[in-house]
Amino acid sequence: METEEAVNEHSGKPMTDETKTTPGVTYFYQGEGQTHPLFRIAEGIPCRSAREQASELMGYARDLSLTGLMDGDQQMLWASHYFAAMAKALLDDAELGLLR
């Protein structure tokens, strides 16, 4: 059984883990029972770059959550929560791109 190889739609060349991009299908919802997404991950971001940016967001989320806990600052905790959710959306879309 032959498997279909992912091909870059612009160049027509086979895609590798180095050239695979986000498909742009992951939405970011925030809050309980929300039915309208705040944003969607853009199509065409190199997966490596998306993962690097997600790592940056997670670092900020970690720092904000620690500061928020130490200072008792709810706004920092909520900002941390949003950054973590944004990072998850990036990682989810990058994973879909890598599996293509």
N, C-alpha and C. Protein backbone atom coordinates (compact mmCIF):
# COMPACT_ATOMS: atom_id res chain seq x y z
N MET A 1 0.84 -1.17 0.00
CA MET A 1 0.00 0.00 0.00
C MET A 1 0.89 1.24 0.00
N GLU A 2 0.69 2.13 -0.95
CA GLU A 2 1.48 3.34 -1.03
C GLU A 2 0.89 4.41 -0.13
N THR A 3 1.79 5.17 0.50
CA THR A 3 1.32 6.29 1.30
C THR A 3 1.53 7.57 0.52
N GLU A 4 0.62 8.48 0.71
CA GLU A 4 0.69 9.75 0.00
C GLU A 4 1.64 10.68 0.74
N GLU A 5 2.61 11.23 0.03
CA GLU A 5 3.59 12.12 0.63
C GLU A 5 3.06 13.55 0.63
N ALA A 6 3.24 14.24 1.77
CA ALA A 6 2.81 15.64 1.86
C ALA A 6 3.67 16.49 0.94
N VAL A 7 3.02 17.38 0.19
CA VAL A 7 3.71 18.23 -0.77
C VAL A 7 3.37 19.68 -0.46
N ASN A 8 4.38 20.56 -0.53
CA ASN A 8 4.17 21.99 -0.35
C ASN A 8 3.29 22.48 -1.48
N GLU A 9 2.18 23.14 -1.14
CA GLU A 9 1.23 23.56 -2.17
C GLU A 9 1.78 24.67 -3.07
N HIS A 10 2.79 25.40 -2.60
CA HIS A 10 3.36 26.49 -3.41
C HIS A 10 4.50 26.01 -4.30
N SER A 11 5.41 25.20 -3.73
CA SER A 11 6.58 24.77 -4.49
C SER A 11 6.39 23.42 -5.17
N GLY A 12 5.46 22.61 -4.67
CA GLY A 12 5.26 21.28 -5.21
C GLY A 12 6.28 20.27 -4.72
N LYS A 13 7.18 20.70 -3.84
CA LYS A 13 8.23 19.82 -3.32
C LYS A 13 7.72 19.06 -2.09
N PRO A 14 8.27 17.86 -1.86
CA PRO A 14 7.87 17.09 -0.67
C PRO A 14 8.18 17.87 0.60
N MET A 15 7.29 17.74 1.58
CA MET A 15 7.47 18.43 2.86
C MET A 15 8.21 17.51 3.82
N THR A 16 9.15 18.08 4.56
CA THR A 16 9.88 17.36 5.60
C THR A 16 9.51 17.99 6.93
N ASP A 17 9.99 17.41 8.03
CA ASP A 17 9.73 18.01 9.34
C ASP A 17 10.27 19.44 9.40
N GLU A 18 11.28 19.73 8.59
CA GLU A 18 11.87 21.08 8.57
C GLU A 18 11.01 22.07 7.78
N THR A 19 10.20 21.58 6.84
CA THR A 19 9.43 22.48 5.98
C THR A 19 7.93 22.41 6.22
N LYS A 20 7.47 21.53 7.09
CA LYS A 20 6.03 21.42 7.35
C LYS A 20 5.53 22.66 8.08
N THR A 21 4.29 23.01 7.80
CA THR A 21 3.70 24.23 8.36
C THR A 21 2.37 23.94 9.04
N THR A 22 1.92 24.91 9.81
CA THR A 22 0.64 24.77 10.49
C THR A 22 -0.49 24.78 9.46
N PRO A 23 -1.51 23.92 9.66
CA PRO A 23 -2.64 23.92 8.74
C PRO A 23 -3.61 25.07 8.99
N GLY A 24 -3.54 25.68 10.17
CA GLY A 24 -4.43 26.80 10.48
C GLY A 24 -5.85 26.40 10.78
N VAL A 25 -6.01 25.29 11.49
CA VAL A 25 -7.36 24.81 11.80
C VAL A 25 -7.70 24.85 13.29
N THR A 26 -6.73 25.21 14.13
CA THR A 26 -6.95 25.20 15.57
C THR A 26 -7.43 26.57 16.03
N TYR A 27 -8.56 26.57 16.74
CA TYR A 27 -9.15 27.79 17.28
C TYR A 27 -8.83 27.92 18.76
N PHE A 28 -8.83 29.15 19.24
CA PHE A 28 -8.59 29.45 20.64
C PHE A 28 -9.88 29.98 21.23
N TYR A 29 -10.44 29.22 22.17
CA TYR A 29 -11.63 29.64 22.90
C TYR A 29 -11.20 29.92 24.33
N GLN A 30 -11.77 30.92 24.96
CA GLN A 30 -11.42 31.19 26.34
C GLN A 30 -12.67 31.45 27.14
N GLY A 31 -12.75 30.80 28.29
CA GLY A 31 -13.89 30.98 29.17
C GLY A 31 -14.85 29.82 29.06
N GLU A 32 -15.58 29.62 30.12
CA GLU A 32 -16.52 28.50 30.21
C GLU A 32 -17.70 28.69 29.27
N GLY A 33 -17.99 27.66 28.48
CA GLY A 33 -19.16 27.67 27.61
C GLY A 33 -19.07 28.62 26.43
N GLN A 34 -17.88 29.07 26.07
CA GLN A 34 -17.73 30.00 24.95
C GLN A 34 -17.95 29.27 23.62
N THR A 35 -18.67 29.90 22.73
CA THR A 35 -18.93 29.30 21.42
C THR A 35 -18.29 30.10 20.29
N HIS A 36 -17.69 31.24 20.62
CA HIS A 36 -17.04 32.07 19.61
C HIS A 36 -15.55 32.11 19.89
N PRO A 37 -14.74 31.66 18.94
CA PRO A 37 -13.29 31.66 19.17
C PRO A 37 -12.74 33.09 19.18
N LEU A 38 -11.71 33.29 20.00
CA LEU A 38 -11.03 34.59 20.01
C LEU A 38 -10.09 34.71 18.82
N PHE A 39 -9.42 33.62 18.46
CA PHE A 39 -8.56 33.63 17.29
C PHE A 39 -8.32 32.22 16.80
N ARG A 40 -7.72 32.13 15.61
CA ARG A 40 -7.35 30.85 15.02
C ARG A 40 -5.88 30.95 14.64
N ILE A 41 -5.15 29.86 14.79
CA ILE A 41 -3.76 29.83 14.40
C ILE A 41 -3.69 30.01 12.88
N ALA A 42 -2.79 30.85 12.43
CA ALA A 42 -2.65 31.13 11.00
C ALA A 42 -2.08 29.92 10.26
N GLU A 43 -2.53 29.74 9.05
CA GLU A 43 -1.99 28.69 8.19
C GLU A 43 -0.62 29.11 7.68
N GLY A 44 0.29 28.14 7.55
CA GLY A 44 1.56 28.39 6.91
C GLY A 44 2.72 28.78 7.80
N ILE A 45 2.53 28.77 9.12
CA ILE A 45 3.63 29.05 10.03
C ILE A 45 4.51 27.80 10.08
N PRO A 46 5.82 27.93 9.87
CA PRO A 46 6.67 26.74 10.00
C PRO A 46 6.47 26.10 11.38
N CYS A 47 6.27 24.79 11.41
CA CYS A 47 5.98 24.10 12.68
C CYS A 47 7.07 24.33 13.71
N ARG A 48 8.31 24.36 13.27
CA ARG A 48 9.42 24.61 14.20
C ARG A 48 9.25 25.98 14.86
N SER A 49 8.92 26.98 14.07
CA SER A 49 8.72 28.33 14.59
C SER A 49 7.53 28.39 15.54
N ALA A 50 6.45 27.72 15.18
CA ALA A 50 5.26 27.69 16.04
C ALA A 50 5.59 27.07 17.39
N ARG A 51 6.38 26.00 17.37
CA ARG A 51 6.76 25.35 18.63
C ARG A 51 7.68 26.24 19.45
N GLU A 52 8.58 26.97 18.80
CA GLU A 52 9.45 27.90 19.52
C GLU A 52 8.64 29.01 20.17
N GLN A 53 7.66 29.54 19.44
CA GLN A 53 6.81 30.60 19.99
C GLN A 53 5.96 30.08 21.14
N ALA A 54 5.48 28.85 21.02
CA ALA A 54 4.71 28.25 22.11
C ALA A 54 5.57 28.12 23.36
N SER A 55 6.83 27.75 23.17
CA SER A 55 7.75 27.65 24.30
C SER A 55 7.94 29.01 24.97
N GLU A 56 8.06 30.06 24.17
CA GLU A 56 8.17 31.42 24.72
C GLU A 56 6.93 31.77 25.54
N LEU A 57 5.75 31.50 24.97
CA LEU A 57 4.51 31.79 25.69
C LEU A 57 4.42 31.02 27.00
N MET A 58 4.85 29.75 26.98
CA MET A 58 4.82 28.96 28.21
C MET A 58 5.78 29.52 29.25
N GLY A 59 6.92 30.03 28.81
CA GLY A 59 7.85 30.67 29.75
C GLY A 59 7.23 31.89 30.40
N TYR A 60 6.54 32.71 29.60
CA TYR A 60 5.86 33.87 30.15
C TYR A 60 4.74 33.45 31.10
N ALA A 61 4.01 32.41 30.72
CA ALA A 61 2.93 31.91 31.58
C ALA A 61 3.49 31.45 32.92
N ARG A 62 4.60 30.74 32.88
CA ARG A 62 5.24 30.27 34.11
C ARG A 62 5.63 31.46 35.00
N ASP A 63 6.29 32.46 34.40
CA ASP A 63 6.73 33.62 35.17
C ASP A 63 5.55 34.39 35.75
N LEU A 64 4.52 34.60 34.93
CA LEU A 64 3.34 35.32 35.41
C LEU A 64 2.62 34.56 36.52
N SER A 65 2.53 33.25 36.39
CA SER A 65 1.82 32.48 37.42
C SER A 65 2.59 32.52 38.74
N LEU A 66 3.91 32.43 38.68
CA LEU A 66 4.70 32.49 39.91
C LEU A 66 4.57 33.86 40.57
N THR A 67 4.70 34.91 39.77
CA THR A 67 4.56 36.27 40.32
C THR A 67 3.15 36.49 40.85
N GLY A 68 2.16 36.04 40.09
CA GLY A 68 0.77 36.19 40.53
C GLY A 68 0.49 35.48 41.83
N LEU A 69 1.04 34.28 41.98
CA LEU A 69 0.86 33.53 43.24
C LEU A 69 1.57 34.21 44.40
N MET A 70 2.80 34.64 44.17
CA MET A 70 3.59 35.26 45.24
C MET A 70 2.99 36.61 45.67
N ASP A 71 2.48 37.37 44.70
CA ASP A 71 1.94 38.70 45.00
C ASP A 71 0.43 38.70 45.24
N GLY A 72 -0.21 37.55 45.03
CA GLY A 72 -1.67 37.49 45.18
C GLY A 72 -2.38 38.31 44.11
N ASP A 73 -1.80 38.37 42.92
CA ASP A 73 -2.33 39.20 41.83
C ASP A 73 -3.13 38.33 40.86
N GLN A 74 -4.45 38.43 40.94
CA GLN A 74 -5.34 37.63 40.08
C GLN A 74 -5.17 37.95 38.60
N GLN A 75 -4.88 39.20 38.26
CA GLN A 75 -4.71 39.56 36.85
C GLN A 75 -3.53 38.82 36.23
N MET A 76 -2.45 38.70 36.98
CA MET A 76 -1.29 37.96 36.46
C MET A 76 -1.62 36.49 36.29
N LEU A 77 -2.40 35.94 37.20
CA LEU A 77 -2.79 34.54 37.08
C LEU A 77 -3.67 34.32 35.85
N TRP A 78 -4.60 35.24 35.60
CA TRP A 78 -5.45 35.11 34.42
C TRP A 78 -4.65 35.30 33.13
N ALA A 79 -3.69 36.24 33.14
CA ALA A 79 -2.83 36.42 31.97
C ALA A 79 -2.03 35.15 31.70
N SER A 80 -1.55 34.53 32.76
CA SER A 80 -0.82 33.26 32.64
C SER A 80 -1.71 32.19 32.02
N HIS A 81 -2.94 32.14 32.47
CA HIS A 81 -3.90 31.17 31.95
C HIS A 81 -4.13 31.37 30.44
N TYR A 82 -4.28 32.62 30.02
CA TYR A 82 -4.47 32.92 28.60
C TYR A 82 -3.25 32.54 27.78
N PHE A 83 -2.05 32.90 28.27
CA PHE A 83 -0.82 32.55 27.55
C PHE A 83 -0.68 31.03 27.40
N ALA A 84 -1.02 30.29 28.45
CA ALA A 84 -0.92 28.83 28.39
C ALA A 84 -1.90 28.28 27.34
N ALA A 85 -3.10 28.83 27.30
CA ALA A 85 -4.09 28.38 26.31
C ALA A 85 -3.66 28.73 24.89
N MET A 86 -3.04 29.89 24.72
CA MET A 86 -2.54 30.28 23.40
C MET A 86 -1.40 29.35 22.97
N ALA A 87 -0.52 29.03 23.90
CA ALA A 87 0.59 28.12 23.59
C ALA A 87 0.06 26.74 23.21
N LYS A 88 -0.98 26.28 23.91
CA LYS A 88 -1.56 24.98 23.60
C LYS A 88 -2.14 24.98 22.19
N ALA A 89 -2.82 26.04 21.81
CA ALA A 89 -3.38 26.13 20.46
C ALA A 89 -2.26 26.07 19.41
N LEU A 90 -1.17 26.78 19.65
CA LEU A 90 -0.03 26.74 18.73
C LEU A 90 0.55 25.34 18.62
N LEU A 91 0.74 24.69 19.78
CA LEU A 91 1.30 23.34 19.78
C LEU A 91 0.37 22.34 19.09
N ASP A 92 -0.93 22.46 19.34
CA ASP A 92 -1.90 21.56 18.71
C ASP A 92 -1.86 21.70 17.19
N ASP A 93 -1.81 22.94 16.69
CA ASP A 93 -1.80 23.14 15.25
C ASP A 93 -0.47 22.70 14.64
N ALA A 94 0.63 22.95 15.35
CA ALA A 94 1.93 22.49 14.86
C ALA A 94 1.96 20.96 14.78
N GLU A 95 1.38 20.31 15.76
CA GLU A 95 1.32 18.84 15.74
C GLU A 95 0.53 18.35 14.53
N LEU A 96 -0.59 18.99 14.25
CA LEU A 96 -1.37 18.61 13.06
C LEU A 96 -0.55 18.81 11.79
N GLY A 97 0.22 19.89 11.75
CA GLY A 97 1.07 20.14 10.59
C GLY A 97 2.16 19.09 10.43
N LEU A 98 2.74 18.66 11.53
CA LEU A 98 3.79 17.64 11.47
C LEU A 98 3.25 16.28 11.07
N LEU A 99 1.98 16.01 11.35
CA LEU A 99 1.39 14.71 11.03
C LEU A 99 0.91 14.63 9.58
N ARG A 100 0.93 15.74 8.87
CA ARG A 100 0.47 15.74 7.46
C ARG A 100 1.42 14.94 6.60
